[in-house]
Amino acid sequence: MKGWVVTEQGLKQGAIQSEGSRSGVPYVRWPETITQSSLLLTSINDITGSNPPLLISPNDTNTVSTAMEFKEKFEAKHMATDGHYVRSKAEVMIDNWLYIAEIVHAYERNLPIEENVYCDFYIRTDKIYIKYR
């Protein structure tokens, strides 16, 4: 199927289903207010990595220095096809595969647990956390 079909969540955000008059291809019209949607902005930040993950408690100075040493020693300097900078060539391969498979993902996210642990990749749509070793 070609085109775009509005989802239930899209309808809640004010989307309107439309169809091309000549082509008959469906598309979605969005209200201008969508650019101010906190849900959209959060998703964009997750996908682009604009909001770096908080890996440690700001009050834990020992953990802060250890995390900073790790980030300096293993700099995310390998660029994947989608523009993410990752820490290893293997992570480039994983990131590229996710991108080619059209799986929306983010790089380095905190796990939603009490411990201070983060994943290498996060697939938001299914809440999947991937850790490469």
N, C-alpha and C. Protein backbone atom coordinates (compact mmCIF):
# COMPACT_ATOMS: atom_id res chain seq x y z
N MET A 1 0.84 -1.18 0.00
CA MET A 1 0.00 0.00 0.00
C MET A 1 0.89 1.24 0.00
N LYS A 2 0.57 2.19 -0.81
CA LYS A 2 1.30 3.44 -0.86
C LYS A 2 0.59 4.47 0.00
N GLY A 3 1.37 5.46 0.42
CA GLY A 3 0.78 6.56 1.17
C GLY A 3 0.83 6.36 2.67
N TRP A 4 0.10 7.21 3.37
CA TRP A 4 0.09 7.22 4.83
C TRP A 4 -1.34 7.15 5.34
N VAL A 5 -1.53 6.40 6.41
CA VAL A 5 -2.84 6.29 7.03
C VAL A 5 -2.70 6.74 8.48
N VAL A 6 -3.60 7.63 8.90
CA VAL A 6 -3.54 8.15 10.25
C VAL A 6 -3.86 7.04 11.26
N THR A 7 -3.12 7.02 12.35
CA THR A 7 -3.34 6.04 13.41
C THR A 7 -4.29 6.63 14.46
N GLU A 8 -4.71 5.78 15.39
CA GLU A 8 -5.57 6.24 16.48
C GLU A 8 -4.85 7.32 17.30
N GLN A 9 -3.55 7.10 17.56
CA GLN A 9 -2.77 8.10 18.30
C GLN A 9 -2.67 9.40 17.50
N GLY A 10 -2.53 9.28 16.17
CA GLY A 10 -2.49 10.46 15.32
C GLY A 10 -3.78 11.26 15.40
N LEU A 11 -4.92 10.56 15.41
CA LEU A 11 -6.21 11.23 15.55
C LEU A 11 -6.28 12.01 16.86
N LYS A 12 -5.75 11.41 17.93
CA LYS A 12 -5.73 12.09 19.23
C LYS A 12 -4.88 13.36 19.20
N GLN A 13 -3.88 13.38 18.30
CA GLN A 13 -3.00 14.54 18.18
C GLN A 13 -3.53 15.56 17.17
N GLY A 14 -4.71 15.29 16.58
CA GLY A 14 -5.33 16.25 15.66
C GLY A 14 -5.10 15.98 14.19
N ALA A 15 -4.58 14.82 13.83
CA ALA A 15 -4.33 14.49 12.42
C ALA A 15 -5.64 14.32 11.66
N ILE A 16 -5.59 14.62 10.36
CA ILE A 16 -6.76 14.47 9.50
C ILE A 16 -6.36 13.60 8.30
N GLN A 17 -7.13 12.54 8.07
CA GLN A 17 -6.87 11.65 6.93
C GLN A 17 -7.34 12.33 5.65
N SER A 18 -6.48 12.32 4.63
CA SER A 18 -6.82 12.92 3.33
C SER A 18 -6.40 11.98 2.22
N GLU A 19 -6.79 12.33 1.00
CA GLU A 19 -6.45 11.52 -0.17
C GLU A 19 -6.15 12.44 -1.34
N GLY A 20 -5.09 12.12 -2.07
CA GLY A 20 -4.73 12.93 -3.24
C GLY A 20 -5.84 12.91 -4.27
N SER A 21 -6.26 14.07 -4.77
CA SER A 21 -7.39 14.14 -5.70
C SER A 21 -7.07 13.46 -7.03
N ARG A 22 -5.84 13.52 -7.47
CA ARG A 22 -5.46 12.89 -8.74
C ARG A 22 -5.00 11.45 -8.56
N SER A 23 -4.17 11.24 -7.54
CA SER A 23 -3.55 9.92 -7.38
C SER A 23 -4.38 8.95 -6.55
N GLY A 24 -5.21 9.50 -5.68
CA GLY A 24 -5.97 8.64 -4.77
C GLY A 24 -5.13 8.07 -3.64
N VAL A 25 -3.87 8.52 -3.55
CA VAL A 25 -2.96 8.03 -2.51
C VAL A 25 -3.29 8.72 -1.19
N PRO A 26 -3.48 7.94 -0.13
CA PRO A 26 -3.81 8.53 1.16
C PRO A 26 -2.61 9.25 1.79
N TYR A 27 -2.90 10.31 2.50
CA TYR A 27 -1.87 11.03 3.26
C TYR A 27 -2.52 11.62 4.51
N VAL A 28 -1.69 12.12 5.40
CA VAL A 28 -2.17 12.66 6.67
C VAL A 28 -1.83 14.14 6.73
N ARG A 29 -2.81 14.94 7.12
CA ARG A 29 -2.58 16.38 7.35
C ARG A 29 -2.49 16.60 8.85
N TRP A 30 -1.50 17.41 9.25
CA TRP A 30 -1.27 17.67 10.67
C TRP A 30 -1.52 19.13 10.97
N PRO A 31 -2.10 19.43 12.13
CA PRO A 31 -2.27 20.83 12.51
C PRO A 31 -0.90 21.43 12.85
N GLU A 32 -0.75 22.72 12.66
CA GLU A 32 0.52 23.38 12.95
C GLU A 32 0.93 23.21 14.41
N THR A 33 -0.04 23.03 15.28
CA THR A 33 0.25 22.87 16.71
C THR A 33 1.04 21.59 17.01
N ILE A 34 1.09 20.66 16.05
CA ILE A 34 1.82 19.41 16.28
C ILE A 34 3.29 19.67 16.57
N THR A 35 3.83 20.77 16.04
CA THR A 35 5.25 21.09 16.26
C THR A 35 5.55 21.43 17.71
N GLN A 36 4.51 21.69 18.49
CA GLN A 36 4.69 22.01 19.91
C GLN A 36 4.34 20.83 20.82
N SER A 37 3.98 19.70 20.23
CA SER A 37 3.57 18.51 21.00
C SER A 37 4.75 17.96 21.79
N SER A 38 4.59 17.85 23.09
CA SER A 38 5.67 17.31 23.92
C SER A 38 5.94 15.84 23.55
N LEU A 39 4.91 15.10 23.16
CA LEU A 39 5.08 13.71 22.74
C LEU A 39 5.96 13.64 21.49
N LEU A 40 5.69 14.50 20.51
CA LEU A 40 6.49 14.53 19.29
C LEU A 40 7.92 14.96 19.58
N LEU A 41 8.09 16.01 20.37
CA LEU A 41 9.43 16.51 20.67
C LEU A 41 10.25 15.48 21.45
N THR A 42 9.62 14.77 22.38
CA THR A 42 10.31 13.72 23.13
C THR A 42 10.74 12.59 22.19
N SER A 43 9.84 12.21 21.28
CA SER A 43 10.17 11.15 20.32
C SER A 43 11.34 11.55 19.43
N ILE A 44 11.31 12.78 18.94
CA ILE A 44 12.40 13.27 18.10
C ILE A 44 13.71 13.26 18.86
N ASN A 45 13.69 13.71 20.11
CA ASN A 45 14.91 13.71 20.93
C ASN A 45 15.41 12.30 21.19
N ASP A 46 14.49 11.35 21.40
CA ASP A 46 14.89 9.96 21.59
C ASP A 46 15.54 9.40 20.34
N ILE A 47 14.95 9.68 19.20
CA ILE A 47 15.45 9.14 17.94
C ILE A 47 16.80 9.74 17.57
N THR A 48 16.93 11.04 17.74
CA THR A 48 18.16 11.72 17.34
C THR A 48 19.25 11.67 18.40
N GLY A 49 18.88 11.28 19.62
CA GLY A 49 19.86 11.27 20.70
C GLY A 49 20.17 12.65 21.22
N SER A 50 19.26 13.60 21.00
CA SER A 50 19.48 14.98 21.45
C SER A 50 19.48 15.12 22.96
N ASN A 51 18.75 14.25 23.63
CA ASN A 51 18.76 14.24 25.09
C ASN A 51 19.64 13.10 25.54
N PRO A 52 20.91 13.37 25.86
CA PRO A 52 21.78 12.27 26.27
C PRO A 52 21.25 11.60 27.53
N PRO A 53 21.43 10.31 27.64
CA PRO A 53 20.91 9.59 28.79
C PRO A 53 21.63 9.97 30.07
N LEU A 54 20.89 9.98 31.17
CA LEU A 54 21.50 10.19 32.49
C LEU A 54 21.94 8.82 32.98
N LEU A 55 23.23 8.60 33.02
CA LEU A 55 23.75 7.27 33.36
C LEU A 55 24.01 7.12 34.84
N ILE A 56 24.07 8.22 35.54
CA ILE A 56 24.48 8.16 36.94
C ILE A 56 23.70 9.19 37.75
N SER A 57 23.73 9.01 39.03
CA SER A 57 23.11 9.97 39.93
C SER A 57 24.04 11.17 40.08
N PRO A 58 23.54 12.40 39.90
CA PRO A 58 24.41 13.56 40.02
C PRO A 58 25.05 13.71 41.40
N ASN A 59 24.46 13.09 42.43
CA ASN A 59 24.99 13.19 43.78
C ASN A 59 26.09 12.18 44.08
N ASP A 60 26.27 11.21 43.21
CA ASP A 60 27.25 10.15 43.41
C ASP A 60 28.54 10.52 42.66
N THR A 61 29.45 11.23 43.34
CA THR A 61 30.65 11.74 42.68
C THR A 61 31.58 10.63 42.22
N ASN A 62 31.65 9.52 42.94
CA ASN A 62 32.50 8.41 42.55
C ASN A 62 32.00 7.82 41.22
N THR A 63 30.68 7.62 41.13
CA THR A 63 30.10 7.09 39.91
C THR A 63 30.23 8.09 38.77
N VAL A 64 30.11 9.38 39.08
CA VAL A 64 30.24 10.42 38.06
C VAL A 64 31.62 10.34 37.42
N SER A 65 32.67 10.27 38.22
CA SER A 65 34.02 10.23 37.66
C SER A 65 34.25 8.94 36.87
N THR A 66 33.71 7.81 37.34
CA THR A 66 33.87 6.55 36.63
C THR A 66 33.15 6.61 35.28
N ALA A 67 31.95 7.16 35.26
CA ALA A 67 31.19 7.26 34.01
C ALA A 67 31.90 8.20 33.04
N MET A 68 32.44 9.30 33.54
CA MET A 68 33.14 10.25 32.68
C MET A 68 34.41 9.61 32.11
N GLU A 69 35.14 8.84 32.93
CA GLU A 69 36.33 8.14 32.45
C GLU A 69 35.96 7.18 31.33
N PHE A 70 34.86 6.45 31.51
CA PHE A 70 34.41 5.51 30.49
C PHE A 70 34.09 6.24 29.19
N LYS A 71 33.33 7.35 29.28
CA LYS A 71 32.95 8.09 28.08
C LYS A 71 34.16 8.68 27.37
N GLU A 72 35.16 9.11 28.14
CA GLU A 72 36.37 9.66 27.52
C GLU A 72 37.21 8.55 26.87
N LYS A 73 37.30 7.40 27.55
CA LYS A 73 38.11 6.30 27.05
C LYS A 73 37.47 5.67 25.81
N PHE A 74 36.15 5.53 25.83
CA PHE A 74 35.43 4.90 24.74
C PHE A 74 34.49 5.91 24.09
N GLU A 75 35.08 6.87 23.42
CA GLU A 75 34.30 7.94 22.78
C GLU A 75 33.43 7.37 21.67
N ALA A 76 32.22 7.89 21.55
CA ALA A 76 31.32 7.49 20.46
C ALA A 76 31.75 8.24 19.21
N LYS A 77 32.71 7.65 18.48
CA LYS A 77 33.28 8.34 17.33
C LYS A 77 33.01 7.64 16.00
N HIS A 78 32.32 6.52 16.03
CA HIS A 78 31.99 5.79 14.80
C HIS A 78 30.59 6.21 14.35
N MET A 79 30.46 6.78 13.14
CA MET A 79 29.16 7.25 12.69
C MET A 79 28.43 6.18 11.87
N ALA A 80 27.19 5.93 12.27
CA ALA A 80 26.34 4.98 11.54
C ALA A 80 25.63 5.72 10.40
N THR A 81 24.98 4.97 9.54
CA THR A 81 24.32 5.52 8.37
C THR A 81 23.27 6.57 8.73
N ASP A 82 22.57 6.37 9.85
CA ASP A 82 21.51 7.30 10.24
C ASP A 82 22.03 8.52 11.00
N GLY A 83 23.35 8.62 11.17
CA GLY A 83 23.93 9.79 11.83
C GLY A 83 24.25 9.59 13.30
N HIS A 84 23.82 8.46 13.88
CA HIS A 84 24.17 8.19 15.28
C HIS A 84 25.68 7.97 15.39
N TYR A 85 26.28 8.52 16.42
CA TYR A 85 27.67 8.21 16.75
C TYR A 85 27.65 7.13 17.82
N VAL A 86 28.36 6.02 17.55
CA VAL A 86 28.38 4.88 18.46
C VAL A 86 29.82 4.57 18.85
N ARG A 87 30.01 3.67 19.81
CA ARG A 87 31.32 3.44 20.40
C ARG A 87 32.16 2.34 19.74
N SER A 88 31.57 1.53 18.88
CA SER A 88 32.35 0.45 18.26
C SER A 88 31.87 0.16 16.85
N LYS A 89 32.70 -0.53 16.09
CA LYS A 89 32.32 -0.91 14.72
C LYS A 89 31.17 -1.91 14.74
N ALA A 90 31.13 -2.76 15.76
CA ALA A 90 30.03 -3.72 15.89
C ALA A 90 28.71 -2.98 16.11
N GLU A 91 28.75 -1.90 16.92
CA GLU A 91 27.54 -1.12 17.14
C GLU A 91 27.12 -0.38 15.88
N VAL A 92 28.07 -0.01 15.02
CA VAL A 92 27.74 0.59 13.73
C VAL A 92 26.94 -0.41 12.92
N MET A 93 27.36 -1.67 12.92
CA MET A 93 26.66 -2.71 12.16
C MET A 93 25.24 -2.90 12.69
N ILE A 94 25.08 -2.91 14.01
CA ILE A 94 23.76 -3.07 14.61
C ILE A 94 22.88 -1.87 14.26
N ASP A 95 23.42 -0.67 14.43
CA ASP A 95 22.68 0.55 14.15
C ASP A 95 22.26 0.59 12.68
N ASN A 96 23.19 0.26 11.79
CA ASN A 96 22.87 0.26 10.35
C ASN A 96 21.79 -0.76 10.02
N TRP A 97 21.84 -1.93 10.64
CA TRP A 97 20.82 -2.95 10.40
C TRP A 97 19.45 -2.44 10.84
N LEU A 98 19.38 -1.83 12.03
CA LEU A 98 18.11 -1.29 12.52
C LEU A 98 17.59 -0.22 11.56
N TYR A 99 18.50 0.62 11.08
CA TYR A 99 18.12 1.69 10.16
C TYR A 99 17.61 1.13 8.83
N ILE A 100 18.35 0.19 8.25
CA ILE A 100 17.96 -0.41 6.96
C ILE A 100 16.63 -1.15 7.09
N ALA A 101 16.40 -1.77 8.25
CA ALA A 101 15.15 -2.49 8.50
C ALA A 101 14.01 -1.53 8.85
N GLU A 102 14.30 -0.22 8.83
CA GLU A 102 13.33 0.83 9.15
C GLU A 102 12.75 0.68 10.55
N ILE A 103 13.62 0.29 11.49
CA ILE A 103 13.22 0.18 12.89
C ILE A 103 13.70 1.44 13.60
N VAL A 104 12.75 2.25 14.04
CA VAL A 104 13.09 3.49 14.72
C VAL A 104 13.75 3.13 16.05
N HIS A 105 14.91 3.74 16.32
CA HIS A 105 15.66 3.39 17.52
C HIS A 105 16.46 4.59 18.02
N ALA A 106 16.91 4.47 19.26
CA ALA A 106 17.77 5.48 19.88
C ALA A 106 19.02 4.78 20.37
N TYR A 107 20.08 5.54 20.53
CA TYR A 107 21.35 4.98 21.01
C TYR A 107 21.57 5.39 22.46
N GLU A 108 22.00 4.46 23.29
CA GLU A 108 22.30 4.64 24.71
C GLU A 108 21.16 5.27 25.49
N ARG A 109 20.39 4.43 26.13
CA ARG A 109 19.29 4.87 26.97
C ARG A 109 19.36 4.15 28.31
N ASN A 110 18.93 4.83 29.38
CA ASN A 110 18.87 4.19 30.69
C ASN A 110 17.83 3.10 30.69
N LEU A 111 18.12 2.01 31.39
CA LEU A 111 17.11 0.98 31.60
C LEU A 111 16.18 1.45 32.70
N PRO A 112 14.90 1.14 32.62
CA PRO A 112 13.95 1.61 33.63
C PRO A 112 13.96 0.71 34.87
N ILE A 113 15.13 0.63 35.52
CA ILE A 113 15.27 -0.19 36.72
C ILE A 113 16.01 0.62 37.77
N GLU A 114 16.05 0.11 38.98
CA GLU A 114 16.71 0.81 40.09
C GLU A 114 18.21 0.96 39.87
N GLU A 115 18.86 -0.06 39.32
CA GLU A 115 20.30 -0.02 39.12
C GLU A 115 20.65 1.00 38.05
N ASN A 116 21.89 1.43 38.07
CA ASN A 116 22.38 2.40 37.11
C ASN A 116 22.95 1.67 35.91
N VAL A 117 22.07 1.22 35.00
CA VAL A 117 22.47 0.44 33.84
C VAL A 117 21.83 1.07 32.60
N TYR A 118 22.54 1.04 31.50
CA TYR A 118 21.97 1.57 30.27
C TYR A 118 22.13 0.55 29.15
N CYS A 119 21.30 0.70 28.12
CA CYS A 119 21.35 -0.19 26.97
C CYS A 119 22.06 0.52 25.83
N ASP A 120 22.49 -0.26 24.85
CA ASP A 120 23.13 0.34 23.68
C ASP A 120 22.09 0.89 22.71
N PHE A 121 21.00 0.16 22.52
CA PHE A 121 19.96 0.59 21.60
C PHE A 121 18.61 0.42 22.26
N TYR A 122 17.68 1.32 21.92
CA TYR A 122 16.33 1.28 22.48
C TYR A 122 15.35 1.42 21.34
N ILE A 123 14.42 0.48 21.24
CA ILE A 123 13.36 0.54 20.24
C ILE A 123 12.08 0.93 20.97
N ARG A 124 11.71 2.19 20.82
CA ARG A 124 10.63 2.77 21.59
C ARG A 124 9.28 2.13 21.32
N THR A 125 8.98 1.82 20.05
CA THR A 125 7.65 1.32 19.71
C THR A 125 7.28 0.05 20.47
N ASP A 126 8.25 -0.81 20.71
CA ASP A 126 7.99 -2.06 21.42
C ASP A 126 8.66 -2.11 22.79
N LYS A 127 9.27 -0.99 23.19
CA LYS A 127 9.98 -0.90 24.47
C LYS A 127 11.00 -2.03 24.61
N ILE A 128 11.85 -2.15 23.58
CA ILE A 128 12.89 -3.18 23.55
C ILE A 128 14.24 -2.52 23.83
N TYR A 129 14.97 -3.09 24.77
CA TYR A 129 16.30 -2.60 25.12
C TYR A 129 17.32 -3.62 24.64
N ILE A 130 18.35 -3.16 23.90
CA ILE A 130 19.36 -4.06 23.35
C ILE A 130 20.70 -3.69 23.94
N LYS A 131 21.40 -4.68 24.47
CA LYS A 131 22.76 -4.49 24.99
C LYS A 131 23.70 -5.38 24.20
N TYR A 132 24.68 -4.79 23.55
CA TYR A 132 25.68 -5.55 22.79
C TYR A 132 26.89 -5.81 23.68
N ARG A 133 27.40 -7.02 23.67
CA ARG A 133 28.61 -7.34 24.46
C ARG A 133 29.68 -7.86 23.56
